[in-house]
N, C-alpha and C. Protein backbone atom coordinates (compact mmCIF):
# COMPACT_ATOMS: atom_id res chain seq x y z
N MET A 1 6.08 18.68 19.56
CA MET A 1 6.67 17.40 19.69
C MET A 1 5.95 16.47 19.14
N ARG A 2 4.76 16.60 18.83
CA ARG A 2 3.96 15.63 18.16
C ARG A 2 3.94 15.73 16.50
N ARG A 3 3.91 17.01 16.26
CA ARG A 3 4.23 17.10 14.54
C ARG A 3 5.38 16.60 14.28
N HIS A 4 6.44 16.25 14.92
CA HIS A 4 7.67 16.04 14.42
C HIS A 4 7.82 14.87 14.32
N LEU A 5 7.06 13.67 15.60
CA LEU A 5 6.59 12.17 15.61
C LEU A 5 5.73 12.01 14.18
N TRP A 6 4.87 12.85 13.96
CA TRP A 6 3.91 12.35 12.65
C TRP A 6 4.45 12.51 11.22
N THR A 7 5.45 13.70 11.33
CA THR A 7 6.38 13.80 9.99
C THR A 7 7.40 12.77 9.84
N GLY A 8 7.93 12.40 11.21
CA GLY A 8 8.93 11.04 11.39
C GLY A 8 8.26 9.78 10.48
N ALA A 9 7.02 9.51 11.29
CA ALA A 9 6.26 8.37 10.78
C ALA A 9 6.02 8.44 9.20
N GLY A 10 5.52 9.87 8.91
CA GLY A 10 5.22 9.56 7.55
C GLY A 10 6.47 9.42 6.56
N LEU A 11 7.80 10.21 7.01
CA LEU A 11 8.91 9.77 6.36
C LEU A 11 9.26 8.20 6.01
N MET A 12 8.88 7.54 7.11
CA MET A 12 9.18 6.28 7.25
C MET A 12 8.24 5.49 6.25
N PHE A 13 6.79 5.70 6.39
CA PHE A 13 6.26 5.21 5.58
C PHE A 13 6.38 5.46 3.93
N VAL A 14 6.81 6.76 3.56
CA VAL A 14 7.03 6.87 2.24
C VAL A 14 8.35 5.98 1.81
N GLY A 15 9.47 6.08 2.83
CA GLY A 15 10.64 5.51 2.58
C GLY A 15 10.33 3.79 1.87
N ILE A 16 9.24 3.31 3.11
CA ILE A 16 8.93 1.86 2.89
C ILE A 16 8.17 1.65 1.58
N GLY A 17 7.26 2.90 1.33
CA GLY A 17 6.36 2.74 0.06
C GLY A 17 7.37 2.77 -1.25
N THR A 18 8.52 3.61 -1.27
CA THR A 18 9.54 3.64 -2.31
C THR A 18 10.18 2.02 -2.30
N VAL A 19 10.59 1.76 -1.26
CA VAL A 19 11.06 0.37 -1.52
C VAL A 19 10.17 -0.40 -2.25
N GLY A 20 8.68 -0.23 -1.74
CA GLY A 20 7.77 -1.31 -2.34
C GLY A 20 7.55 -1.04 -3.92
N ALA A 21 7.87 0.27 -4.49
CA ALA A 21 7.57 0.03 -5.79
C ALA A 21 8.57 -0.61 -6.63
N PHE A 22 9.74 -1.02 -6.17
CA PHE A 22 10.70 -1.57 -6.77
C PHE A 22 10.89 -3.72 -6.28
N LEU A 23 10.11 -3.50 -5.59
CA LEU A 23 9.96 -4.96 -4.89
C LEU A 23 8.35 -5.63 -5.19
N PRO A 24 8.24 -6.16 -5.99
CA PRO A 24 7.04 -7.03 -6.11
C PRO A 24 6.07 -7.61 -4.82
N LEU A 25 7.02 -7.94 -4.07
CA LEU A 25 6.34 -8.38 -2.65
C LEU A 25 6.14 -7.52 -1.75
N LEU A 26 6.34 -6.14 -1.87
CA LEU A 26 6.22 -5.21 -0.70
C LEU A 26 4.84 -4.17 -1.59
N PRO A 27 3.83 -3.80 -1.20
CA PRO A 27 3.05 -3.04 -1.72
C PRO A 27 3.18 -1.47 -1.42
N THR A 28 2.72 -0.54 -2.31
CA THR A 28 3.40 0.71 -2.30
C THR A 28 2.58 1.61 -1.75
N VAL A 29 1.08 1.39 -2.40
CA VAL A 29 0.20 2.61 -1.98
C VAL A 29 -0.45 2.57 -0.73
N PRO A 30 -0.61 1.29 0.14
CA PRO A 30 -0.96 1.36 1.21
C PRO A 30 0.05 1.96 2.51
N PHE A 31 1.13 2.15 2.10
CA PHE A 31 1.85 2.50 2.80
C PHE A 31 2.09 4.18 2.56
N LEU A 32 1.69 4.41 1.57
CA LEU A 32 1.70 5.58 1.00
C LEU A 32 0.62 6.53 1.67
N LEU A 33 -0.70 5.35 1.92
CA LEU A 33 -2.13 5.95 2.40
C LEU A 33 -1.63 6.40 3.72
N LEU A 34 -0.68 5.32 4.66
CA LEU A 34 -0.42 5.67 5.94
C LEU A 34 0.44 7.13 6.20
N ALA A 35 1.42 7.25 5.25
CA ALA A 35 2.18 8.66 5.03
C ALA A 35 1.52 9.82 4.79
N LEU A 36 0.36 9.37 4.21
CA LEU A 36 -0.81 10.72 4.09
C LEU A 36 -1.23 10.95 5.01
N PHE A 37 -1.84 9.74 6.04
CA PHE A 37 -2.70 10.01 7.11
C PHE A 37 -1.41 10.88 8.19
N CYS A 38 -0.17 10.58 8.47
CA CYS A 38 0.73 11.11 9.35
C CYS A 38 0.58 12.31 9.00
N PHE A 39 1.09 12.76 7.48
CA PHE A 39 1.72 14.09 7.35
C PHE A 39 0.37 15.01 7.43
N ALA A 40 -0.77 14.28 7.40
CA ALA A 40 -1.96 15.46 7.60
C ALA A 40 -1.88 16.09 9.18
N ARG A 41 -1.15 15.04 10.09
CA ARG A 41 -1.02 15.57 11.28
C ARG A 41 0.22 16.19 11.43
N GLY A 42 0.98 16.14 10.55
CA GLY A 42 2.52 16.60 11.07
C GLY A 42 2.80 17.61 9.97
N ASN A 43 2.79 17.48 8.66
CA ASN A 43 3.17 18.16 7.71
C ASN A 43 2.40 18.48 6.70
N PRO A 44 1.17 19.12 6.56
CA PRO A 44 0.42 19.60 5.67
C PRO A 44 1.02 19.49 4.29
N VAL A 45 2.30 20.51 4.24
CA VAL A 45 2.83 20.99 3.04
C VAL A 45 3.23 19.36 2.14
N TRP A 46 3.79 18.42 3.03
CA TRP A 46 4.25 17.23 2.30
C TRP A 46 2.85 16.24 2.13
N GLU A 47 2.11 16.48 2.63
CA GLU A 47 0.48 15.65 2.50
C GLU A 47 0.23 16.05 1.26
N GLN A 48 0.00 17.63 0.91
CA GLN A 48 -0.05 18.16 -0.43
C GLN A 48 0.66 17.69 -1.52
N ARG A 49 2.05 17.06 -1.15
CA ARG A 49 3.15 17.10 -2.36
C ARG A 49 2.78 15.29 -2.64
N LEU A 50 2.24 14.72 -1.84
CA LEU A 50 2.04 13.36 -1.91
C LEU A 50 0.69 13.54 -2.83
N LEU A 51 -0.75 14.19 -2.48
CA LEU A 51 -1.66 14.47 -3.07
C LEU A 51 -1.15 14.76 -4.71
N ASP A 52 -0.36 15.76 -4.87
CA ASP A 52 -0.29 16.49 -6.11
C ASP A 52 0.63 15.29 -7.20
N HIS A 53 1.30 14.26 -6.50
CA HIS A 53 2.11 13.25 -7.12
C HIS A 53 1.52 12.84 -8.41
N PRO A 54 2.08 12.94 -9.48
CA PRO A 54 1.62 12.47 -10.68
C PRO A 54 1.14 10.80 -10.68
N THR A 55 1.72 9.96 -10.14
CA THR A 55 1.53 8.45 -10.38
C THR A 55 0.49 8.29 -9.28
N TYR A 56 1.02 8.28 -8.12
CA TYR A 56 0.32 8.01 -6.53
C TYR A 56 -1.14 8.96 -6.31
N GLY A 57 -0.59 10.40 -6.67
CA GLY A 57 -1.99 11.25 -6.52
C GLY A 57 -3.27 10.48 -6.37
N PRO A 58 -3.64 10.56 -7.73
CA PRO A 58 -5.04 10.34 -8.11
C PRO A 58 -5.58 9.05 -7.29
N LEU A 59 -4.45 8.08 -7.02
CA LEU A 59 -4.91 6.91 -6.12
C LEU A 59 -5.24 7.27 -4.93
N LEU A 60 -4.35 8.26 -4.30
CA LEU A 60 -4.62 8.36 -2.78
C LEU A 60 -6.03 9.33 -2.79
N LEU A 61 -6.06 10.30 -3.40
CA LEU A 61 -7.38 11.16 -3.61
C LEU A 61 -8.56 10.34 -3.87
N ASP A 62 -8.62 9.29 -4.92
CA ASP A 62 -9.52 8.09 -4.94
C ASP A 62 -9.94 7.63 -3.61
N TRP A 63 -8.98 7.24 -2.89
CA TRP A 63 -9.13 6.55 -1.52
C TRP A 63 -9.97 7.37 -0.54
N ARG A 64 -9.26 8.61 -0.32
CA ARG A 64 -9.64 9.76 0.46
C ARG A 64 -10.71 10.16 0.33
N GLN A 65 -11.40 10.20 -0.88
CA GLN A 65 -12.41 11.02 -1.12
C GLN A 65 -13.76 10.06 -1.23
N ARG A 66 -13.81 9.01 -1.52
CA ARG A 66 -14.53 7.63 -1.96
C ARG A 66 -14.35 6.15 -1.62
N ARG A 67 -13.30 6.19 -0.97
CA ARG A 67 -12.96 5.10 -0.38
C ARG A 67 -12.78 3.99 -1.63
N ALA A 68 -12.33 4.45 -2.59
CA ALA A 68 -12.43 3.48 -3.99
C ALA A 68 -10.68 3.27 -4.36
N ILE A 69 -10.89 1.82 -4.92
CA ILE A 69 -9.56 1.44 -5.32
C ILE A 69 -9.81 1.00 -6.92
N PRO A 70 -9.04 1.58 -8.04
CA PRO A 70 -9.48 1.29 -9.44
C PRO A 70 -9.42 0.01 -9.56
N ARG A 71 -9.81 -0.38 -10.72
CA ARG A 71 -10.04 -2.01 -11.09
C ARG A 71 -8.52 -2.31 -11.31
N ARG A 72 -8.00 -1.40 -12.05
CA ARG A 72 -6.38 -1.79 -12.66
C ARG A 72 -5.58 -2.08 -11.43
N ALA A 73 -5.66 -1.02 -10.07
CA ALA A 73 -5.04 -1.05 -9.10
C ALA A 73 -5.16 -2.55 -8.03
N LYS A 74 -6.57 -3.08 -8.24
CA LYS A 74 -7.03 -4.32 -7.69
C LYS A 74 -6.28 -5.49 -8.56
N TRP A 75 -6.61 -5.71 -9.66
CA TRP A 75 -5.68 -6.41 -10.29
C TRP A 75 -4.34 -6.60 -10.05
N ALA A 76 -3.59 -5.28 -10.16
CA ALA A 76 -2.22 -5.57 -9.89
C ALA A 76 -1.61 -6.07 -8.37
N ALA A 77 -2.69 -5.51 -7.61
CA ALA A 77 -2.47 -5.90 -6.25
C ALA A 77 -2.75 -7.79 -5.92
N LEU A 78 -3.64 -8.05 -6.73
CA LEU A 78 -3.95 -9.44 -6.85
C LEU A 78 -2.92 -10.26 -7.53
N ILE A 79 -2.29 -9.73 -8.46
CA ILE A 79 -1.65 -10.54 -9.30
C ILE A 79 -0.32 -10.50 -8.36
N ALA A 80 0.40 -9.39 -8.07
CA ALA A 80 1.53 -9.14 -7.08
C ALA A 80 1.28 -10.37 -5.62
N MET A 81 0.34 -10.43 -5.25
CA MET A 81 -0.13 -11.19 -4.01
C MET A 81 -0.01 -12.61 -4.46
N ALA A 82 -0.52 -12.89 -5.89
CA ALA A 82 -0.22 -14.46 -6.24
C ALA A 82 1.18 -14.82 -6.48
N VAL A 83 1.81 -13.92 -7.21
CA VAL A 83 3.31 -14.07 -7.36
C VAL A 83 3.90 -14.45 -6.13
N SER A 84 3.78 -13.62 -4.89
CA SER A 84 4.32 -13.81 -3.80
C SER A 84 4.03 -15.41 -3.27
N VAL A 85 2.60 -15.67 -3.23
CA VAL A 85 2.37 -17.00 -2.75
C VAL A 85 3.22 -18.15 -3.87
N LEU A 86 3.37 -17.86 -5.05
CA LEU A 86 3.98 -18.62 -5.76
C LEU A 86 5.68 -18.97 -5.59
N VAL A 87 6.25 -17.83 -5.19
CA VAL A 87 7.41 -17.76 -4.87
C VAL A 87 7.77 -18.45 -3.52
N THR A 88 6.84 -18.01 -2.68
CA THR A 88 6.78 -18.84 -1.18
C THR A 88 6.73 -20.22 -1.36
N GLY A 89 5.86 -20.56 -1.79
CA GLY A 89 5.40 -22.12 -2.11
C GLY A 89 6.80 -22.69 -2.83
N PHE A 90 7.68 -22.20 -3.98
CA PHE A 90 8.54 -22.80 -4.41
C PHE A 90 9.60 -22.69 -3.50
N THR A 91 9.95 -21.43 -3.01
CA THR A 91 11.01 -21.51 -2.28
C THR A 91 11.16 -21.75 -0.56
N ALA A 92 10.09 -21.91 0.05
CA ALA A 92 9.91 -22.19 1.60
C ALA A 92 9.24 -23.60 1.72
N GLY A 93 8.12 -23.63 0.71
CA GLY A 93 7.37 -24.96 0.66
C GLY A 93 6.51 -25.19 1.67
N TRP A 94 5.84 -26.14 1.95
CA TRP A 94 4.78 -26.56 2.73
C TRP A 94 5.46 -26.20 4.03
N PRO A 95 4.52 -26.02 5.01
CA PRO A 95 3.59 -25.44 5.43
C PRO A 95 3.69 -23.88 5.18
N TRP A 96 4.83 -23.24 4.94
CA TRP A 96 5.20 -22.07 4.69
C TRP A 96 4.21 -21.00 4.21
N VAL A 97 3.66 -21.99 3.03
CA VAL A 97 3.12 -21.31 1.69
C VAL A 97 1.59 -21.04 2.48
N LEU A 98 1.05 -21.28 3.50
CA LEU A 98 -0.03 -21.35 3.88
C LEU A 98 -0.38 -19.70 4.49
N ILE A 99 0.91 -18.91 4.83
CA ILE A 99 0.90 -17.60 5.37
C ILE A 99 0.65 -16.62 4.47
N PRO A 100 1.25 -16.42 3.33
CA PRO A 100 1.22 -15.81 2.37
C PRO A 100 -0.43 -16.13 1.57
N LEU A 101 -0.92 -17.13 1.78
CA LEU A 101 -2.01 -17.73 1.09
C LEU A 101 -3.23 -17.31 2.07
N ALA A 102 -2.79 -17.44 3.15
CA ALA A 102 -4.02 -16.72 3.83
C ALA A 102 -4.07 -15.58 4.00
N VAL A 103 -2.88 -14.54 3.99
CA VAL A 103 -2.83 -13.11 3.79
C VAL A 103 -3.53 -12.43 2.36
N MET A 104 -3.39 -13.55 1.35
CA MET A 104 -3.91 -13.28 -0.20
C MET A 104 -5.36 -13.47 0.15
N ALA A 105 -5.76 -14.48 0.79
CA ALA A 105 -7.40 -14.75 0.92
C ALA A 105 -7.88 -13.54 1.87
N LEU A 106 -7.46 -13.05 2.86
CA LEU A 106 -8.13 -12.18 3.42
C LEU A 106 -8.04 -10.38 2.88
N SER A 107 -6.81 -10.42 2.54
CA SER A 107 -6.75 -9.05 1.92
C SER A 107 -7.03 -8.72 0.72
N GLY A 108 -7.05 -10.15 -0.24
CA GLY A 108 -7.51 -10.03 -1.47
C GLY A 108 -9.22 -9.82 -1.53
N THR A 109 -9.68 -10.45 -0.83
CA THR A 109 -11.04 -10.37 -0.66
C THR A 109 -11.21 -8.78 -0.30
N TRP A 110 -10.88 -8.29 0.82
CA TRP A 110 -10.79 -6.94 1.08
C TRP A 110 -10.68 -6.09 -0.12
N ILE A 111 -9.50 -5.94 -0.49
CA ILE A 111 -8.97 -5.32 -1.75
C ILE A 111 -10.27 -5.15 -2.95
N TRP A 112 -10.76 -6.62 -3.26
CA TRP A 112 -11.62 -6.40 -4.11
C TRP A 112 -12.98 -6.04 -3.86
N THR A 113 -13.49 -5.97 -2.69
CA THR A 113 -14.70 -5.28 -2.54
C THR A 113 -14.93 -4.24 -1.94
N ARG A 114 -13.67 -3.47 -2.48
CA ARG A 114 -13.59 -1.90 -2.50
C ARG A 114 -14.50 -1.06 -3.51
N ASN A 115 -14.99 -0.01 -3.30
CA ASN A 115 -15.62 0.60 -4.39
C ASN A 115 -14.54 0.89 -5.70
N GLU A 116 -15.01 1.10 -6.58
CA GLU A 116 -14.05 1.43 -8.11
C GLU A 116 -14.12 2.78 -8.64
């Protein structure tokens, strides 16, 4: 029963990550990392398929082996977060812009301080 729950959670995270590949406000790789974690416990074959993916596989392997985020991925994440802050600022205005700004400050700092 647990394997099915882990596999289901992994599929859900792959789905969210797939949506994130097309929406700049939603990250992709963090959800794929969660999917990888779930598949490791529920479906090792699908875990390996994620690791073998030509685009996301190297990023996932870097994180798993060295807890590293490439500089290019760091810049992409920070730029996407900055765009989110700007969009929120123009659409929702004050004080709602403070929420994505705080998220960007915390998560952006964490992302930038990871190994490369």
